Every structure is written in structure tokens, then in C-alpha cells.
Amino acid sequence: MLRTVGNWSGPLREWLSALKYGGDTRMACWLSDKLLEIYSENWAGIPIVPVPPRKARIFYSGIDPVNEMACWMEKKGIQVLRLLKRKGNQTQKSLNRDERLQALALKYELKSKANSTYNETVLLDDVSTTGATLNACARVLKSAGVQRVYALAVCKD
């Protein structure tokens, strides 16, 4: 089950873009408040697992927008588990829809010392287009014993 704040359009797109591409971390606070409303209505008490970015993404912009939002949520008492890491640097944007659905650029795994003793988790991402990233991360979490994985994102494209 995926819940989002809204569509990748209008002011929401501008605000998320300011965080993702402009490094405006003030947007993380506001966006995390909107995410927190949805989280509280649907999954209160279930830990959040942020979707990790490509390493080149952090190098390019200097920030990890999903982690910025997760940090704000953590400050408000939400349990955040950083269980995943991403391997490879190919961007999803370079792929067409079919290639994205096949998850050709997505290689996620559990961090070496991570373990999950949780039956449920909520994946946190910034934008979901085809759901391939969320599905790839959910498969990794389920292989580690998580029974139910939900998803929360700022935008649906």
C-alpha cells in the first residue's frame, strides 16, 4: 500500500525539487510534517525505513533528501531504521518505463550489520513513478523477515 502527499505537479513539485535539486533543507521540515500526518493516520508505531539514494546523488547535491525528511520525522519521535544500502550508480531517470519496471538500475541490500526483528515497516521515498524502487526495497526487507511492507512518498508521478 502506497500513500503520498500528492502528485508530482504544481507547488508540491516545486517544493520537493527545491530540496532534491536545490539543497533547500528547509523544505524537508515542511514535507516531513505532511508525511507525518499520513503516517500517523495509517501506520502509527511502525518503524520507517528510508530508501537510500545513489552515492553519486549525494555527491552531486550534497544531501540525501529522503534522509533529511526521515531525520525530521525522527526528531518528532518516529522510529527510523536505516537498514538498506544501494549499490550502483545508474539513475532511474535514464530508463524507460519498461526498464524501470524490470528494476534494471536497482540493486539494494541490507547493510552488513542490519537485521530486522520487525514484522512491519514503512518505506519512505521522495517520488514514486512505477513503484520499482519501492518493490525492490520491499523484497530485500521481506527476505530479512519483515512480513508487511508499506510505502510512503511525497509524490506520485
C-alpha atoms as a PDB file:
ATOM      1  CA  MET A   1       0.000   0.000   0.000  1.00  0.00           C
ATOM      2  CA  LEU A   2       1.437   3.352  -1.111  1.00  0.00           C
ATOM      3  CA  ARG A   3       0.306   6.665   0.318  1.00  0.00           C
ATOM      4  CA  THR A   4       1.546  10.023  -0.960  1.00  0.00           C
ATOM      5  CA  VAL A   5       1.157  13.690  -0.093  1.00  0.00           C
ATOM      6  CA  GLY A   6       0.160  14.396  -3.706  1.00  0.00           C
ATOM      7  CA  ASN A   7       1.107  14.320  -7.351  1.00  0.00           C
ATOM      8  CA  TRP A   8       4.421  15.417  -8.860  1.00  0.00           C
ATOM      9  CA  SER A   9       2.993  18.739 -10.018  1.00  0.00           C
ATOM     10  CA  GLY A  10       2.403  22.335  -9.024  1.00  0.00           C
ATOM     11  CA  PRO A  11       3.741  23.723  -5.753  1.00  0.00           C
ATOM     12  CA  LEU A  12       4.462  20.266  -4.317  1.00  0.00           C
ATOM     13  CA  ARG A  13       6.795  19.544  -7.237  1.00  0.00           C
ATOM     14  CA  GLU A  14       8.482  22.931  -6.747  1.00  0.00           C
ATOM     15  CA  TRP A  15       8.983  22.362  -3.013  1.00  0.00           C
ATOM     16  CA  LEU A  16      10.348  18.847  -3.415  1.00  0.00           C
ATOM     17  CA  SER A  17      12.586  20.000  -6.276  1.00  0.00           C
ATOM     18  CA  ALA A  18      13.938  22.775  -4.055  1.00  0.00           C
ATOM     19  CA  LEU A  19      15.005  20.060  -1.593  1.00  0.00           C
ATOM     20  CA  LYS A  20      16.180  17.430  -4.112  1.00  0.00           C
ATOM     21  CA  TYR A  21      17.967  19.619  -6.622  1.00  0.00           C
ATOM     22  CA  GLY A  22      18.485  22.907  -4.811  1.00  0.00           C
ATOM     23  CA  GLY A  23      19.575  21.547  -1.442  1.00  0.00           C
ATOM     24  CA  ASP A  24      16.995  23.681   0.401  1.00  0.00           C
ATOM     25  CA  THR A  25      16.740  21.602   3.576  1.00  0.00           C
ATOM     26  CA  ARG A  26      14.032  23.904   4.972  1.00  0.00           C
ATOM     27  CA  MET A  27      11.649  22.049   2.672  1.00  0.00           C
ATOM     28  CA  ALA A  28      12.442  18.774   4.476  1.00  0.00           C
ATOM     29  CA  CYS A  29      10.788  20.057   7.649  1.00  0.00           C
ATOM     30  CA  TRP A  30       7.571  21.092   5.928  1.00  0.00           C
ATOM     31  CA  LEU A  31       7.386  17.980   3.751  1.00  0.00           C
ATOM     32  CA  SER A  32       8.086  15.686   6.705  1.00  0.00           C
ATOM     33  CA  ASP A  33       5.174  17.272   8.587  1.00  0.00           C
ATOM     34  CA  LYS A  34       2.876  16.362   5.684  1.00  0.00           C
ATOM     35  CA  LEU A  35       4.306  12.837   5.591  1.00  0.00           C
ATOM     36  CA  LEU A  36       3.872  12.556   9.346  1.00  0.00           C
ATOM     37  CA  GLU A  37       0.145  13.287   9.043  1.00  0.00           C
ATOM     38  CA  ILE A  38      -0.289  10.398   6.598  1.00  0.00           C
ATOM     39  CA  TYR A  39       1.975   8.119   8.619  1.00  0.00           C
ATOM     40  CA  SER A  40       0.051   8.804  11.852  1.00  0.00           C
ATOM     41  CA  GLU A  41      -3.299   8.058  10.192  1.00  0.00           C
ATOM     42  CA  ASN A  42      -2.137   4.778   8.655  1.00  0.00           C
ATOM     43  CA  TRP A  43       0.863   3.249  10.412  1.00  0.00           C
ATOM     44  CA  ALA A  44       1.498   4.865  13.804  1.00  0.00           C
ATOM     45  CA  GLY A  45       4.136   2.919  15.714  1.00  0.00           C
ATOM     46  CA  ILE A  46       5.569   1.066  12.707  1.00  0.00           C
ATOM     47  CA  PRO A  47       9.221   1.930  12.022  1.00  0.00           C
ATOM     48  CA  ILE A  48      10.194   3.858   8.909  1.00  0.00           C
ATOM     49  CA  VAL A  49      12.935   2.644   6.563  1.00  0.00           C
ATOM     50  CA  PRO A  50      14.265   5.386   4.256  1.00  0.00           C
ATOM     51  CA  VAL A  51      15.073   4.402   0.678  1.00  0.00           C
ATOM     52  CA  PRO A  52      18.787   5.130   0.185  1.00  0.00           C
ATOM     53  CA  PRO A  53      19.954   7.146  -2.840  1.00  0.00           C
ATOM     54  CA  ARG A  54      22.723   6.510  -5.316  1.00  0.00           C
ATOM     55  CA  LYS A  55      26.053   7.612  -3.839  1.00  0.00           C
ATOM     56  CA  ALA A  56      26.589   9.936  -6.794  1.00  0.00           C
ATOM     57  CA  ARG A  57      23.293  11.647  -5.946  1.00  0.00           C
ATOM     58  CA  ILE A  58      24.595  12.678  -2.531  1.00  0.00           C
ATOM     59  CA  PHE A  59      27.920  13.763  -4.005  1.00  0.00           C
ATOM     60  CA  TYR A  60      26.215  15.887  -6.645  1.00  0.00           C
ATOM     61  CA  SER A  61      23.771  17.722  -4.377  1.00  0.00           C
ATOM     62  CA  GLY A  62      25.447  17.278  -1.019  1.00  0.00           C
ATOM     63  CA  ILE A  63      22.264  15.966   0.600  1.00  0.00           C
ATOM     64  CA  ASP A  64      20.062  12.906   0.761  1.00  0.00           C
ATOM     65  CA  PRO A  65      16.513  14.340   0.579  1.00  0.00           C
ATOM     66  CA  VAL A  66      14.818  11.197   1.863  1.00  0.00           C
ATOM     67  CA  ASN A  67      17.162  11.006   4.838  1.00  0.00           C
ATOM     68  CA  GLU A  68      16.616  14.728   5.522  1.00  0.00           C
ATOM     69  CA  MET A  69      12.879  14.085   5.822  1.00  0.00           C
ATOM     70  CA  ALA A  70      13.468  10.940   7.888  1.00  0.00           C
ATOM     71  CA  CYS A  71      15.647  12.929  10.300  1.00  0.00           C
ATOM     72  CA  TRP A  72      12.852  15.445  10.845  1.00  0.00           C
ATOM     73  CA  MET A  73      10.391  12.621  11.466  1.00  0.00           C
ATOM     74  CA  GLU A  74      12.871  11.009  13.856  1.00  0.00           C
ATOM     75  CA  LYS A  75      13.091  14.284  15.811  1.00  0.00           C
ATOM     76  CA  LYS A  76       9.328  14.028  16.271  1.00  0.00           C
ATOM     77  CA  GLY A  77       9.598  10.586  17.838  1.00  0.00           C
ATOM     78  CA  ILE A  78       9.200   8.274  14.843  1.00  0.00           C
ATOM     79  CA  GLN A  79      11.484   5.254  14.852  1.00  0.00           C
ATOM     80  CA  VAL A  80      13.706   5.292  11.753  1.00  0.00           C
ATOM     81  CA  LEU A  81      15.673   2.202  10.757  1.00  0.00           C
ATOM     82  CA  ARG A  82      18.436   2.709   8.211  1.00  0.00           C
ATOM     83  CA  LEU A  83      18.565  -0.914   7.097  1.00  0.00           C
ATOM     84  CA  LEU A  84      19.213  -0.596   3.374  1.00  0.00           C
ATOM     85  CA  LYS A  85      22.067   0.420   1.122  1.00  0.00           C
ATOM     86  CA  ARG A  86      22.073   0.929  -2.615  1.00  0.00           C
ATOM     87  CA  LYS A  87      24.745  -0.444  -4.893  1.00  0.00           C
ATOM     88  CA  GLY A  88      25.481   1.006  -8.291  1.00  0.00           C
ATOM     89  CA  ASN A  89      25.030   4.489  -9.625  1.00  0.00           C
ATOM     90  CA  GLN A  90      22.694   4.220 -12.605  1.00  0.00           C
ATOM     91  CA  THR A  91      19.814   6.632 -12.346  1.00  0.00           C
ATOM     92  CA  GLN A  92      16.220   5.565 -12.848  1.00  0.00           C
ATOM     93  CA  LYS A  93      15.639   8.694 -14.944  1.00  0.00           C
ATOM     94  CA  SER A  94      17.806   7.262 -17.723  1.00  0.00           C
ATOM     95  CA  LEU A  95      15.448   4.290 -18.154  1.00  0.00           C
ATOM     96  CA  ASN A  96      12.127   3.985 -19.941  1.00  0.00           C
ATOM     97  CA  ARG A  97       9.032   2.677 -18.132  1.00  0.00           C
ATOM     98  CA  ASP A  98       9.598  -0.991 -19.056  1.00  0.00           C
ATOM     99  CA  GLU A  99      13.237  -0.853 -17.949  1.00  0.00           C
ATOM    100  CA  ARG A 100      12.174   0.776 -14.676  1.00  0.00           C
ATOM    101  CA  LEU A 101       9.579  -1.911 -14.053  1.00  0.00           C
ATOM    102  CA  GLN A 102      12.270  -4.550 -14.580  1.00  0.00           C
ATOM    103  CA  ALA A 103      14.329  -2.713 -11.921  1.00  0.00           C
ATOM    104  CA  LEU A 104      17.436  -2.821 -14.095  1.00  0.00           C
ATOM    105  CA  ALA A 105      19.172   0.003 -12.229  1.00  0.00           C
ATOM    106  CA  LEU A 106      18.139  -1.072  -8.739  1.00  0.00           C
ATOM    107  CA  LYS A 107      20.476  -3.039  -6.527  1.00  0.00           C
ATOM    108  CA  TYR A 108      19.593  -2.795  -2.854  1.00  0.00           C
ATOM    109  CA  GLU A 109      20.763  -4.922   0.031  1.00  0.00           C
ATOM    110  CA  LEU A 110      20.729  -4.946   3.796  1.00  0.00           C
ATOM    111  CA  LYS A 111      23.560  -3.142   5.494  1.00  0.00           C
ATOM    112  CA  SER A 112      26.099  -5.652   6.792  1.00  0.00           C
ATOM    113  CA  LYS A 113      25.188  -5.268  10.458  1.00  0.00           C
ATOM    114  CA  ALA A 114      21.484  -4.633   9.902  1.00  0.00           C
ATOM    115  CA  ASN A 115      18.868  -7.058  10.986  1.00  0.00           C
ATOM    116  CA  SER A 116      15.152  -6.718  11.158  1.00  0.00           C
ATOM    117  CA  THR A 117      13.150  -8.085  14.020  1.00  0.00           C
ATOM    118  CA  TYR A 118      10.113  -6.118  12.910  1.00  0.00           C
ATOM    119  CA  ASN A 119       7.022  -7.672  11.367  1.00  0.00           C
ATOM    120  CA  GLU A 120       6.095  -4.429   9.618  1.00  0.00           C
ATOM    121  CA  THR A 121       7.956  -1.442   8.185  1.00  0.00           C
ATOM    122  CA  VAL A 122       7.092   1.663   6.176  1.00  0.00           C
ATOM    123  CA  LEU A 123       9.415   2.513   3.297  1.00  0.00           C
ATOM    124  CA  LEU A 124       9.968   6.242   2.855  1.00  0.00           C
ATOM    125  CA  ASP A 125      10.816   7.747  -0.546  1.00  0.00           C
ATOM    126  CA  ASP A 126      10.511  11.121  -2.230  1.00  0.00           C
ATOM    127  CA  VAL A 127       8.892  10.251  -5.580  1.00  0.00           C
ATOM    128  CA  SER A 128       7.307   7.042  -6.837  1.00  0.00           C
ATOM    129  CA  THR A 129       6.885   6.689 -10.590  1.00  0.00           C
ATOM    130  CA  THR A 130       6.474   2.989 -11.356  1.00  0.00           C
ATOM    131  CA  GLY A 131       6.934   1.588  -7.845  1.00  0.00           C
ATOM    132  CA  ALA A 132      10.032  -0.361  -8.930  1.00  0.00           C
ATOM    133  CA  THR A 133      12.274   1.181  -6.269  1.00  0.00           C
ATOM    134  CA  LEU A 134       9.773   0.528  -3.509  1.00  0.00           C
ATOM    135  CA  ASN A 135       9.221  -3.046  -4.742  1.00  0.00           C
ATOM    136  CA  ALA A 136      12.972  -3.730  -4.877  1.00  0.00           C
ATOM    137  CA  CYS A 137      13.436  -2.438  -1.337  1.00  0.00           C
ATOM    138  CA  ALA A 138      10.393  -4.348  -0.085  1.00  0.00           C
ATOM    139  CA  ARG A 139      11.820  -7.607  -1.493  1.00  0.00           C
ATOM    140  CA  VAL A 140      15.057  -7.060   0.442  1.00  0.00           C
ATOM    141  CA  LEU A 141      13.182  -6.322   3.671  1.00  0.00           C
ATOM    142  CA  LYS A 142      10.924  -9.339   3.230  1.00  0.00           C
ATOM    143  CA  SER A 143      13.940 -11.558   2.631  1.00  0.00           C
ATOM    144  CA  ALA A 144      15.169 -10.344   6.046  1.00  0.00           C
ATOM    145  CA  GLY A 145      11.953 -11.446   7.733  1.00  0.00           C
ATOM    146  CA  VAL A 146       9.670  -8.398   7.514  1.00  0.00           C
ATOM    147  CA  GLN A 147       6.176  -9.687   6.815  1.00  0.00           C
ATOM    148  CA  ARG A 148       4.402  -6.495   5.705  1.00  0.00           C
ATOM    149  CA  VAL A 149       5.993  -3.508   3.985  1.00  0.00           C
ATOM    150  CA  TYR A 150       4.029  -0.326   3.381  1.00  0.00           C
ATOM    151  CA  ALA A 151       5.172   2.715   1.410  1.00  0.00           C
ATOM    152  CA  LEU A 152       5.042   6.454   1.968  1.00  0.00           C
ATOM    153  CA  ALA A 153       6.281   9.023  -0.557  1.00  0.00           C
ATOM    154  CA  VAL A 154       5.955  12.730  -1.047  1.00  0.00           C
ATOM    155  CA  CYS A 155       4.817  12.490  -4.671  1.00  0.00           C
ATOM    156  CA  LYS A 156       3.390  10.060  -7.196  1.00  0.00           C
ATOM    157  CA  ASP A 157       4.452  10.735 -10.760  1.00  0.00           C
END
